[in-house]
Amino acid sequence: MASSQLSAWPDAAVSVALLAIIKYGTGDNGVKDKEAERNAQPEAASQERNVLLDRTVKRIGPLQNAADLNIAAEEQQKVSLERGKYFLLLTRVDITTDPDILWPDKPV
């Protein structure tokens, strides 16, 4: 590793530490501010739900198209219904209960 790379490392480490302080805050003696952490949890849960919704939509799309065109096999129709139900259940998840969120079971 070149010395120029080593000299850049401390600045990067300081930047990461500052971002952590800005995001989570600090309490006495540098301990995490629990309130700031609690406030960040619903945002993280919302992002997780959005990822799950996006994945589900991508998986439902082709199955739903086949069903709409009346060319879906029986198994495809079943899977489409299961994933559609999962999608709706995800939209109803109460993310304000984080970290005790009751996520629906993922379809097979």
PDB file of N, CA and C in Angstrom:
ATOM      1  N   MET A   1       0.850  -1.165   0.000  1.00  0.00           N
ATOM      2  CA  MET A   1       0.000   0.000   0.000  1.00  0.00           C
ATOM      3  C   MET A   1       0.900   1.233   0.000  1.00  0.00           C
ATOM      4  N   ALA A   2       0.640   2.174  -0.892  1.00  0.00           N
ATOM      5  CA  ALA A   2       1.440   3.387  -1.000  1.00  0.00           C
ATOM      6  C   ALA A   2       1.174   4.296   0.186  1.00  0.00           C
ATOM      7  N   SER A   3       2.165   5.141   0.514  1.00  0.00           N
ATOM      8  CA  SER A   3       2.003   6.033   1.660  1.00  0.00           C
ATOM      9  C   SER A   3       0.885   7.037   1.424  1.00  0.00           C
ATOM     10  N   SER A   4       0.601   7.393   0.162  1.00  0.00           N
ATOM     11  CA  SER A   4      -0.494   8.321  -0.109  1.00  0.00           C
ATOM     12  C   SER A   4      -1.839   7.683   0.242  1.00  0.00           C
ATOM     13  N   GLN A   5      -1.952   6.361   0.077  1.00  0.00           N
ATOM     14  CA  GLN A   5      -3.181   5.671   0.438  1.00  0.00           C
ATOM     15  C   GLN A   5      -3.344   5.623   1.958  1.00  0.00           C
ATOM     16  N   LEU A   6      -2.238   5.441   2.665  1.00  0.00           N
ATOM     17  CA  LEU A   6      -2.294   5.408   4.116  1.00  0.00           C
ATOM     18  C   LEU A   6      -2.682   6.760   4.691  1.00  0.00           C
ATOM     19  N   SER A   7      -2.185   7.838   4.095  1.00  0.00           N
ATOM     20  CA  SER A   7      -2.481   9.157   4.640  1.00  0.00           C
ATOM     21  C   SER A   7      -3.951   9.528   4.413  1.00  0.00           C
ATOM     22  N   ALA A   8      -4.618   8.932   3.433  1.00  0.00           N
ATOM     23  CA  ALA A   8      -6.016   9.239   3.179  1.00  0.00           C
ATOM     24  C   ALA A   8      -6.939   8.477   4.125  1.00  0.00           C
ATOM     25  N   TRP A   9      -6.478   7.402   4.693  1.00  0.00           N
ATOM     26  CA  TRP A   9      -7.328   6.572   5.542  1.00  0.00           C
ATOM     27  C   TRP A   9      -7.885   7.288   6.763  1.00  0.00           C
ATOM     28  N   PRO A  10      -7.099   8.009   7.530  1.00  0.00           N
ATOM     29  CA  PRO A  10      -7.669   8.648   8.715  1.00  0.00           C
ATOM     30  C   PRO A  10      -8.810   9.605   8.389  1.00  0.00           C
ATOM     31  N   ASP A  11      -8.713  10.359   7.287  1.00  0.00           N
ATOM     32  CA  ASP A  11      -9.802  11.256   6.917  1.00  0.00           C
ATOM     33  C   ASP A  11     -11.080  10.465   6.641  1.00  0.00           C
ATOM     34  N   ALA A  12     -10.936   9.328   5.978  1.00  0.00           N
ATOM     35  CA  ALA A  12     -12.097   8.496   5.685  1.00  0.00           C
ATOM     36  C   ALA A  12     -12.701   7.962   6.980  1.00  0.00           C
ATOM     37  N   ALA A  13     -11.840   7.546   7.902  1.00  0.00           N
ATOM     38  CA  ALA A  13     -12.325   7.032   9.180  1.00  0.00           C
ATOM     39  C   ALA A  13     -13.058   8.121   9.955  1.00  0.00           C
ATOM     40  N   VAL A  14     -12.536   9.327   9.925  1.00  0.00           N
ATOM     41  CA  VAL A  14     -13.191  10.442  10.599  1.00  0.00           C
ATOM     42  C   VAL A  14     -14.540  10.719   9.966  1.00  0.00           C
ATOM     43  N   SER A  15     -14.614  10.653   8.634  1.00  0.00           N
ATOM     44  CA  SER A  15     -15.883  10.886   7.946  1.00  0.00           C
ATOM     45  C   SER A  15     -16.925   9.852   8.339  1.00  0.00           C
ATOM     46  N   VAL A  16     -16.521   8.592   8.425  1.00  0.00           N
ATOM     47  CA  VAL A  16     -17.450   7.532   8.814  1.00  0.00           C
ATOM     48  C   VAL A  16     -17.923   7.756  10.245  1.00  0.00           C
ATOM     49  N   ALA A  17     -17.015   8.124  11.126  1.00  0.00           N
ATOM     50  CA  ALA A  17     -17.392   8.376  12.516  1.00  0.00           C
ATOM     51  C   ALA A  17     -18.355   9.551  12.618  1.00  0.00           C
ATOM     52  N   LEU A  18     -18.111  10.599  11.855  1.00  0.00           N
ATOM     53  CA  LEU A  18     -19.010  11.752  11.885  1.00  0.00           C
ATOM     54  C   LEU A  18     -20.386  11.399  11.348  1.00  0.00           C
ATOM     55  N   LEU A  19     -20.437  10.588  10.279  1.00  0.00           N
ATOM     56  CA  LEU A  19     -21.726  10.161   9.760  1.00  0.00           C
ATOM     57  C   LEU A  19     -22.503   9.349  10.794  1.00  0.00           C
ATOM     58  N   ALA A  20     -21.804   8.502  11.528  1.00  0.00           N
ATOM     59  CA  ALA A  20     -22.455   7.700  12.566  1.00  0.00           C
ATOM     60  C   ALA A  20     -23.003   8.598  13.669  1.00  0.00           C
ATOM     61  N   ILE A  21     -22.242   9.613  14.051  1.00  0.00           N
ATOM     62  CA  ILE A  21     -22.704  10.535  15.091  1.00  0.00           C
ATOM     63  C   ILE A  21     -23.912  11.317  14.602  1.00  0.00           C
ATOM     64  N   ILE A  22     -23.857  11.763  13.353  1.00  0.00           N
ATOM     65  CA  ILE A  22     -24.978  12.517  12.798  1.00  0.00           C
ATOM     66  C   ILE A  22     -26.226  11.644  12.732  1.00  0.00           C
ATOM     67  N   LYS A  23     -26.065  10.393  12.300  1.00  0.00           N
ATOM     68  CA  LYS A  23     -27.223   9.512  12.133  1.00  0.00           C
ATOM     69  C   LYS A  23     -27.777   9.039  13.473  1.00  0.00           C
ATOM     70  N   TYR A  24     -26.897   8.616  14.391  1.00  0.00           N
ATOM     71  CA  TYR A  24     -27.358   8.008  15.633  1.00  0.00           C
ATOM     72  C   TYR A  24     -27.199   8.909  16.856  1.00  0.00           C
ATOM     73  N   GLY A  25     -26.372   9.945  16.747  1.00  0.00           N
ATOM     74  CA  GLY A  25     -26.120  10.794  17.905  1.00  0.00           C
ATOM     75  C   GLY A  25     -25.282  10.054  18.923  1.00  0.00           C
ATOM     76  N   THR A  26     -24.953  10.735  19.992  1.00  0.00           N
ATOM     77  CA  THR A  26     -24.213  10.092  21.076  1.00  0.00           C
ATOM     78  C   THR A  26     -24.827  10.498  22.396  1.00  0.00           C
ATOM     79  N   GLY A  27     -24.713   9.637  23.350  1.00  0.00           N
ATOM     80  CA  GLY A  27     -25.155   9.944  24.707  1.00  0.00           C
ATOM     81  C   GLY A  27     -23.936  10.242  25.544  1.00  0.00           C
ATOM     82  N   ASP A  28     -24.033  10.070  26.830  1.00  0.00           N
ATOM     83  CA  ASP A  28     -22.898  10.306  27.715  1.00  0.00           C
ATOM     84  C   ASP A  28     -21.766   9.345  27.381  1.00  0.00           C
ATOM     85  N   ASN A  29     -20.554   9.837  27.407  1.00  0.00           N
ATOM     86  CA  ASN A  29     -19.345   9.040  27.176  1.00  0.00           C
ATOM     87  C   ASN A  29     -19.348   8.334  25.820  1.00  0.00           C
ATOM     88  N   GLY A  30     -19.967   8.912  24.823  1.00  0.00           N
ATOM     89  CA  GLY A  30     -19.938   8.350  23.481  1.00  0.00           C
ATOM     90  C   GLY A  30     -20.860   7.172  23.267  1.00  0.00           C
ATOM     91  N   VAL A  31     -21.744   6.893  24.196  1.00  0.00           N
ATOM     92  CA  VAL A  31     -22.690   5.792  24.049  1.00  0.00           C
ATOM     93  C   VAL A  31     -23.785   6.229  23.085  1.00  0.00           C
ATOM     94  N   LYS A  32     -24.271   5.309  22.264  1.00  0.00           N
ATOM     95  CA  LYS A  32     -25.311   5.635  21.293  1.00  0.00           C
ATOM     96  C   LYS A  32     -26.521   6.263  21.977  1.00  0.00           C
ATOM     97  N   ASP A  33     -27.098   7.228  21.298  1.00  0.00           N
ATOM     98  CA  ASP A  33     -28.328   7.853  21.758  1.00  0.00           C
ATOM     99  C   ASP A  33     -29.470   6.920  21.371  1.00  0.00           C
ATOM    100  N   LYS A  34     -30.072   6.284  22.351  1.00  0.00           N
ATOM    101  CA  LYS A  34     -31.118   5.282  22.092  1.00  0.00           C
ATOM    102  C   LYS A  34     -32.312   5.898  21.383  1.00  0.00           C
ATOM    103  N   GLU A  35     -32.657   7.140  21.714  1.00  0.00           N
ATOM    104  CA  GLU A  35     -33.796   7.780  21.063  1.00  0.00           C
ATOM    105  C   GLU A  35     -33.529   7.994  19.581  1.00  0.00           C
ATOM    106  N   ALA A  36     -32.311   8.440  19.241  1.00  0.00           N
ATOM    107  CA  ALA A  36     -31.964   8.638  17.835  1.00  0.00           C
ATOM    108  C   ALA A  36     -31.988   7.307  17.092  1.00  0.00           C
ATOM    109  N   GLU A  37     -31.532   6.261  17.737  1.00  0.00           N
ATOM    110  CA  GLU A  37     -31.542   4.935  17.112  1.00  0.00           C
ATOM    111  C   GLU A  37     -32.978   4.456  16.905  1.00  0.00           C
ATOM    112  N   ARG A  38     -33.835   4.679  17.914  1.00  0.00           N
ATOM    113  CA  ARG A  38     -35.244   4.295  17.801  1.00  0.00           C
ATOM    114  C   ARG A  38     -35.929   5.053  16.667  1.00  0.00           C
ATOM    115  N   ASN A  39     -35.570   6.314  16.492  1.00  0.00           N
ATOM    116  CA  ASN A  39     -36.167   7.116  15.422  1.00  0.00           C
ATOM    117  C   ASN A  39     -35.741   6.634  14.047  1.00  0.00           C
ATOM    118  N   ALA A  40     -34.557   6.040  13.941  1.00  0.00           N
ATOM    119  CA  ALA A  40     -34.056   5.556  12.653  1.00  0.00           C
ATOM    120  C   ALA A  40     -34.645   4.194  12.285  1.00  0.00           C
ATOM    121  N   GLN A  41     -35.151   3.451  13.262  1.00  0.00           N
ATOM    122  CA  GLN A  41     -35.646   2.099  13.002  1.00  0.00           C
ATOM    123  C   GLN A  41     -36.844   2.056  12.050  1.00  0.00           C
ATOM    124  N   PRO A  42     -37.857   2.922  12.206  1.00  0.00           N
ATOM    125  CA  PRO A  42     -38.970   2.847  11.239  1.00  0.00           C
ATOM    126  C   PRO A  42     -38.521   3.105   9.801  1.00  0.00           C
ATOM    127  N   GLU A  43     -37.534   3.972   9.617  1.00  0.00           N
ATOM    128  CA  GLU A  43     -37.027   4.230   8.268  1.00  0.00           C
ATOM    129  C   GLU A  43     -36.371   2.977   7.698  1.00  0.00           C
ATOM    130  N   ALA A  44     -35.608   2.286   8.518  1.00  0.00           N
ATOM    131  CA  ALA A  44     -34.961   1.050   8.068  1.00  0.00           C
ATOM    132  C   ALA A  44     -36.013  -0.011   7.757  1.00  0.00           C
ATOM    133  N   ALA A  45     -37.052  -0.102   8.584  1.00  0.00           N
ATOM    134  CA  ALA A  45     -38.120  -1.070   8.344  1.00  0.00           C
ATOM    135  C   ALA A  45     -38.879  -0.724   7.063  1.00  0.00           C
ATOM    136  N   SER A  46     -39.079   0.551   6.826  1.00  0.00           N
ATOM    137  CA  SER A  46     -39.756   0.989   5.599  1.00  0.00           C
ATOM    138  C   SER A  46     -38.933   0.613   4.376  1.00  0.00           C
ATOM    139  N   GLN A  47     -37.628   0.799   4.457  1.00  0.00           N
ATOM    140  CA  GLN A  47     -36.750   0.423   3.341  1.00  0.00           C
ATOM    141  C   GLN A  47     -36.775  -1.076   3.115  1.00  0.00           C
ATOM    142  N   GLU A  48     -36.770  -1.848   4.199  1.00  0.00           N
ATOM    143  CA  GLU A  48     -36.812  -3.308   4.057  1.00  0.00           C
ATOM    144  C   GLU A  48     -38.125  -3.736   3.397  1.00  0.00           C
ATOM    145  N   ARG A  49     -39.239  -3.129   3.833  1.00  0.00           N
ATOM    146  CA  ARG A  49     -40.535  -3.455   3.237  1.00  0.00           C
ATOM    147  C   ARG A  49     -40.540  -3.103   1.753  1.00  0.00           C
ATOM    148  N   ASN A  50     -39.967  -1.952   1.396  1.00  0.00           N
ATOM    149  CA  ASN A  50     -39.939  -1.553  -0.015  1.00  0.00           C
ATOM    150  C   ASN A  50     -39.139  -2.527  -0.864  1.00  0.00           C
ATOM    151  N   VAL A  51     -38.042  -3.028  -0.326  1.00  0.00           N
ATOM    152  CA  VAL A  51     -37.244  -4.030  -1.053  1.00  0.00           C
ATOM    153  C   VAL A  51     -38.070  -5.298  -1.262  1.00  0.00           C
ATOM    154  N   LEU A  52     -38.752  -5.742  -0.216  1.00  0.00           N
ATOM    155  CA  LEU A  52     -39.575  -6.952  -0.331  1.00  0.00           C
ATOM    156  C   LEU A  52     -40.717  -6.744  -1.321  1.00  0.00           C
ATOM    157  N   LEU A  53     -41.333  -5.559  -1.304  1.00  0.00           N
ATOM    158  CA  LEU A  53     -42.409  -5.265  -2.257  1.00  0.00           C
ATOM    159  C   LEU A  53     -41.888  -5.271  -3.694  1.00  0.00           C
ATOM    160  N   ASP A  54     -40.730  -4.652  -3.913  1.00  0.00           N
ATOM    161  CA  ASP A  54     -40.149  -4.623  -5.262  1.00  0.00           C
ATOM    162  C   ASP A  54     -39.857  -6.025  -5.771  1.00  0.00           C
ATOM    163  N   ARG A  55     -39.267  -6.863  -4.923  1.00  0.00           N
ATOM    164  CA  ARG A  55     -38.965  -8.240  -5.327  1.00  0.00           C
ATOM    165  C   ARG A  55     -40.244  -9.003  -5.665  1.00  0.00           C
ATOM    166  N   THR A  56     -41.269  -8.781  -4.854  1.00  0.00           N
ATOM    167  CA  THR A  56     -42.533  -9.484  -5.070  1.00  0.00           C
ATOM    168  C   THR A  56     -43.185  -9.060  -6.373  1.00  0.00           C
ATOM    169  N   VAL A  57     -43.173  -7.764  -6.653  1.00  0.00           N
ATOM    170  CA  VAL A  57     -43.763  -7.255  -7.898  1.00  0.00           C
ATOM    171  C   VAL A  57     -43.053  -7.864  -9.102  1.00  0.00           C
ATOM    172  N   LYS A  58     -41.733  -7.959  -9.036  1.00  0.00           N
ATOM    173  CA  LYS A  58     -40.972  -8.529 -10.154  1.00  0.00           C
ATOM    174  C   LYS A  58     -41.308  -9.999 -10.370  1.00  0.00           C
ATOM    175  N   ARG A  59     -41.621 -10.701  -9.292  1.00  0.00           N
ATOM    176  CA  ARG A  59     -41.952 -12.126  -9.418  1.00  0.00           C
ATOM    177  C   ARG A  59     -43.405 -12.338  -9.845  1.00  0.00           C
ATOM    178  N   ILE A  60     -44.279 -11.422  -9.437  1.00  0.00           N
ATOM    179  CA  ILE A  60     -45.696 -11.560  -9.785  1.00  0.00           C
ATOM    180  C   ILE A  60     -45.951 -11.209 -11.244  1.00  0.00           C
ATOM    181  N   GLY A  61     -45.241 -10.219 -11.769  1.00  0.00           N
ATOM    182  CA  GLY A  61     -45.503  -9.692 -13.108  1.00  0.00           C
ATOM    183  C   GLY A  61     -45.710 -10.731 -14.189  1.00  0.00           C
ATOM    184  N   PRO A  62     -44.732 -11.578 -14.453  1.00  0.00           N
ATOM    185  CA  PRO A  62     -44.900 -12.575 -15.521  1.00  0.00           C
ATOM    186  C   PRO A  62     -46.042 -13.556 -15.244  1.00  0.00           C
ATOM    187  N   LEU A  63     -46.203 -13.926 -13.983  1.00  0.00           N
ATOM    188  CA  LEU A  63     -47.284 -14.851 -13.633  1.00  0.00           C
ATOM    189  C   LEU A  63     -48.649 -14.206 -13.862  1.00  0.00           C
ATOM    190  N   GLN A  64     -48.761 -12.937 -13.474  1.00  0.00           N
ATOM    191  CA  GLN A  64     -50.021 -12.235 -13.656  1.00  0.00           C
ATOM    192  C   GLN A  64     -50.342 -12.043 -15.137  1.00  0.00           C
ATOM    193  N   ASN A  65     -49.307 -11.745 -15.927  1.00  0.00           N
ATOM    194  CA  ASN A  65     -49.518 -11.620 -17.381  1.00  0.00           C
ATOM    195  C   ASN A  65     -50.054 -12.922 -17.967  1.00  0.00           C
ATOM    196  N   ALA A  66     -49.478 -14.037 -17.565  1.00  0.00           N
ATOM    197  CA  ALA A  66     -49.938 -15.336 -18.063  1.00  0.00           C
ATOM    198  C   ALA A  66     -51.380 -15.588 -17.634  1.00  0.00           C
ATOM    199  N   ALA A  67     -51.705 -15.225 -16.400  1.00  0.00           N
ATOM    200  CA  ALA A  67     -53.084 -15.410 -15.919  1.00  0.00           C
ATOM    201  C   ALA A  67     -54.042 -14.511 -16.696  1.00  0.00           C
ATOM    202  N   ASP A  68     -53.649 -13.251 -16.935  1.00  0.00           N
ATOM    203  CA  ASP A  68     -54.500 -12.316 -17.677  1.00  0.00           C
ATOM    204  C   ASP A  68     -54.768 -12.798 -19.099  1.00  0.00           C
ATOM    205  N   LEU A  69     -53.799 -13.480 -19.684  1.00  0.00           N
ATOM    206  CA  LEU A  69     -53.938 -13.975 -21.055  1.00  0.00           C
ATOM    207  C   LEU A  69     -54.528 -15.390 -21.122  1.00  0.00           C
ATOM    208  N   ASN A  70     -54.917 -15.905 -19.965  1.00  0.00           N
ATOM    209  CA  ASN A  70     -55.480 -17.254 -19.858  1.00  0.00           C
ATOM    210  C   ASN A  70     -54.541 -18.327 -20.382  1.00  0.00           C
ATOM    211  N   ILE A  71     -53.243 -18.139 -20.156  1.00  0.00           N
ATOM    212  CA  ILE A  71     -52.271 -19.154 -20.580  1.00  0.00           C
ATOM    213  C   ILE A  71     -51.432 -19.660 -19.403  1.00  0.00           C
ATOM    214  N   ALA A  72     -51.849 -19.308 -18.191  1.00  0.00           N
ATOM    215  CA  ALA A  72     -51.111 -19.746 -17.008  1.00  0.00           C
ATOM    216  C   ALA A  72     -51.497 -21.177 -16.655  1.00  0.00           C
ATOM    217  N   ALA A  73     -50.490 -21.949 -16.326  1.00  0.00           N
ATOM    218  CA  ALA A  73     -50.752 -23.303 -15.841  1.00  0.00           C
ATOM    219  C   ALA A  73     -51.366 -23.198 -14.444  1.00  0.00           C
ATOM    220  N   GLU A  74     -51.977 -24.266 -13.991  1.00  0.00           N
ATOM    221  CA  GLU A  74     -52.629 -24.274 -12.679  1.00  0.00           C
ATOM    222  C   GLU A  74     -51.644 -23.892 -11.568  1.00  0.00           C
ATOM    223  N   GLU A  75     -50.451 -24.443 -11.632  1.00  0.00           N
ATOM    224  CA  GLU A  75     -49.432 -24.131 -10.620  1.00  0.00           C
ATOM    225  C   GLU A  75     -49.047 -22.646 -10.667  1.00  0.00           C
ATOM    226  N   GLN A  76     -48.930 -22.081 -11.868  1.00  0.00           N
ATOM    227  CA  GLN A  76     -48.608 -20.663 -12.001  1.00  0.00           C
ATOM    228  C   GLN A  76     -49.706 -19.791 -11.399  1.00  0.00           C
ATOM    229  N   GLN A  77     -50.947 -20.170 -11.589  1.00  0.00           N
ATOM    230  CA  GLN A  77     -52.061 -19.414 -11.006  1.00  0.00           C
ATOM    231  C   GLN A  77     -51.998 -19.454  -9.481  1.00  0.00           C
ATOM    232  N   LYS A  78     -51.683 -20.632  -8.951  1.00  0.00           N
ATOM    233  CA  LYS A  78     -51.583 -20.796  -7.497  1.00  0.00           C
ATOM    234  C   LYS A  78     -50.457 -19.918  -6.948  1.00  0.00           C
ATOM    235  N   VAL A  79     -49.301 -19.959  -7.588  1.00  0.00           N
ATOM    236  CA  VAL A  79     -48.154 -19.163  -7.145  1.00  0.00           C
ATOM    237  C   VAL A  79     -48.467 -17.675  -7.242  1.00  0.00           C
ATOM    238  N   SER A  80     -49.133 -17.269  -8.321  1.00  0.00           N
ATOM    239  CA  SER A  80     -49.502 -15.868  -8.502  1.00  0.00           C
ATOM    240  C   SER A  80     -50.415 -15.397  -7.381  1.00  0.00           C
ATOM    241  N   LEU A  81     -51.385 -16.203  -7.015  1.00  0.00           N
ATOM    242  CA  LEU A  81     -52.290 -15.852  -5.923  1.00  0.00           C
ATOM    243  C   LEU A  81     -51.567 -15.757  -4.589  1.00  0.00           C
ATOM    244  N   GLU A  82     -50.657 -16.707  -4.324  1.00  0.00           N
ATOM    245  CA  GLU A  82     -49.901 -16.699  -3.071  1.00  0.00           C
ATOM    246  C   GLU A  82     -49.021 -15.450  -2.975  1.00  0.00           C
ATOM    247  N   ARG A  83     -48.361 -15.120  -4.070  1.00  0.00           N
ATOM    248  CA  ARG A  83     -47.493 -13.941  -4.055  1.00  0.00           C
ATOM    249  C   ARG A  83     -48.290 -12.643  -4.016  1.00  0.00           C
ATOM    250  N   GLY A  84     -49.451 -12.644  -4.635  1.00  0.00           N
ATOM    251  CA  GLY A  84     -50.318 -11.481  -4.557  1.00  0.00           C
ATOM    252  C   GLY A  84     -50.803 -11.244  -3.136  1.00  0.00           C
ATOM    253  N   LYS A  85     -51.142 -12.313  -2.448  1.00  0.00           N
ATOM    254  CA  LYS A  85     -51.557 -12.214  -1.042  1.00  0.00           C
ATOM    255  C   LYS A  85     -50.395 -11.699  -0.194  1.00  0.00           C
ATOM    256  N   TYR A  86     -49.205 -12.233  -0.429  1.00  0.00           N
ATOM    257  CA  TYR A  86     -48.012 -11.789   0.296  1.00  0.00           C
ATOM    258  C   TYR A  86     -47.778 -10.298   0.072  1.00  0.00           C
ATOM    259  N   PHE A  87     -47.926  -9.839  -1.161  1.00  0.00           N
ATOM    260  CA  PHE A  87     -47.748  -8.426  -1.481  1.00  0.00           C
ATOM    261  C   PHE A  87     -48.711  -7.569  -0.657  1.00  0.00           C
ATOM    262  N   LEU A  88     -49.976  -7.949  -0.634  1.00  0.00           N
ATOM    263  CA  LEU A  88     -50.969  -7.185   0.123  1.00  0.00           C
ATOM    264  C   LEU A  88     -50.676  -7.199   1.616  1.00  0.00           C
ATOM    265  N   LEU A  89     -50.258  -8.357   2.133  1.00  0.00           N
ATOM    266  CA  LEU A  89     -49.909  -8.426   3.551  1.00  0.00           C
ATOM    267  C   LEU A  89     -48.720  -7.520   3.875  1.00  0.00           C
ATOM    268  N   LEU A  90     -47.743  -7.456   2.960  1.00  0.00           N
ATOM    269  CA  LEU A  90     -46.600  -6.560   3.176  1.00  0.00           C
ATOM    270  C   LEU A  90     -47.041  -5.099   3.265  1.00  0.00           C
ATOM    271  N   THR A  91     -48.002  -4.719   2.433  1.00  0.00           N
ATOM    272  CA  THR A  91     -48.460  -3.322   2.460  1.00  0.00           C
ATOM    273  C   THR A  91     -49.169  -2.978   3.763  1.00  0.00           C
ATOM    274  N   ARG A  92     -49.626  -3.980   4.481  1.00  0.00           N
ATOM    275  CA  ARG A  92     -50.346  -3.756   5.734  1.00  0.00           C
ATOM    276  C   ARG A  92     -49.476  -3.903   6.979  1.00  0.00           C
ATOM    277  N   VAL A  93     -48.195  -4.195   6.811  1.00  0.00           N
ATOM    278  CA  VAL A  93     -47.304  -4.366   7.952  1.00  0.00           C
ATOM    279  C   VAL A  93     -47.164  -3.043   8.697  1.00  0.00           C
ATOM    280  N   ASP A  94     -47.302  -3.108  10.016  1.00  0.00           N
ATOM    281  CA  ASP A  94     -47.143  -1.931  10.864  1.00  0.00           C
ATOM    282  C   ASP A  94     -45.663  -1.775  11.213  1.00  0.00           C
ATOM    283  N   ILE A  95     -44.980  -0.901  10.493  1.00  0.00           N
ATOM    284  CA  ILE A  95     -43.538  -0.736  10.699  1.00  0.00           C
ATOM    285  C   ILE A  95     -43.225   0.116  11.919  1.00  0.00           C
ATOM    286  N   THR A  96     -44.240   0.682  12.554  1.00  0.00           N
ATOM    287  CA  THR A  96     -43.993   1.492  13.754  1.00  0.00           C
ATOM    288  C   THR A  96     -43.678   0.629  14.965  1.00  0.00           C
ATOM    289  N   THR A  97     -43.851  -0.674  14.850  1.00  0.00           N
ATOM    290  CA  THR A  97     -43.589  -1.580  15.966  1.00  0.00           C
ATOM    291  C   THR A  97     -42.159  -2.109  15.956  1.00  0.00           C
ATOM    292  N   ASP A  98     -41.318  -1.578  15.057  1.00  0.00           N
ATOM    293  CA  ASP A  98     -39.934  -2.035  14.951  1.00  0.00           C
ATOM    294  C   ASP A  98     -39.256  -1.921  16.303  1.00  0.00           C
ATOM    295  N   PRO A  99     -38.537  -2.890  16.798  1.00  0.00           N
ATOM    296  CA  PRO A  99     -38.014  -4.076  16.120  1.00  0.00           C
ATOM    297  C   PRO A  99     -38.908  -5.304  16.231  1.00  0.00           C
ATOM    298  N   ASP A 100     -40.128  -5.156  16.719  1.00  0.00           N
ATOM    299  CA  ASP A 100     -41.016  -6.307  16.907  1.00  0.00           C
ATOM    300  C   ASP A 100     -42.031  -6.434  15.777  1.00  0.00           C
ATOM    301  N   ILE A 101     -41.599  -6.209  14.562  1.00  0.00           N
ATOM    302  CA  ILE A 101     -42.491  -6.250  13.410  1.00  0.00           C
ATOM    303  C   ILE A 101     -42.883  -7.692  13.107  1.00  0.00           C
ATOM    304  N   LEU A 102     -44.162  -7.896  12.840  1.00  0.00           N
ATOM    305  CA  LEU A 102     -44.644  -9.211  12.427  1.00  0.00           C
ATOM    306  C   LEU A 102     -44.700  -9.248  10.901  1.00  0.00           C
ATOM    307  N   TRP A 103     -43.630  -9.755  10.296  1.00  0.00           N
ATOM    308  CA  TRP A 103     -43.556  -9.850   8.846  1.00  0.00           C
ATOM    309  C   TRP A 103     -44.329 -11.072   8.389  1.00  0.00           C
ATOM    310  N   PRO A 104     -45.052 -10.973   7.260  1.00  0.00           N
ATOM    311  CA  PRO A 104     -45.751 -12.164   6.747  1.00  0.00           C
ATOM    312  C   PRO A 104     -44.748 -13.198   6.247  1.00  0.00           C
ATOM    313  N   ASP A 105     -45.163 -14.453   6.271  1.00  0.00           N
ATOM    314  CA  ASP A 105     -44.319 -15.525   5.759  1.00  0.00           C
ATOM    315  C   ASP A 105     -44.160 -15.366   4.247  1.00  0.00           C
ATOM    316  N   LYS A 106     -42.919 -15.555   3.784  1.00  0.00           N
ATOM    317  CA  LYS A 106     -42.661 -15.473   2.344  1.00  0.00           C
ATOM    318  C   LYS A 106     -43.231 -16.698   1.649  1.00  0.00           C
ATOM    319  N   PRO A 107     -43.838 -16.491   0.486  1.00  0.00           N
ATOM    320  CA  PRO A 107     -44.350 -17.654  -0.243  1.00  0.00           C
ATOM    321  C   PRO A 107     -43.201 -18.499  -0.786  1.00  0.00           C
ATOM    322  N   VAL A 108     -43.483 -19.742  -1.044  1.00  0.00           N
ATOM    323  CA  VAL A 108     -42.466 -20.671  -1.543  1.00  0.00           C
ATOM    324  C   VAL A 108     -42.177 -20.408  -2.984  1.00  0.00           C
TER     325      VAL A 108
END
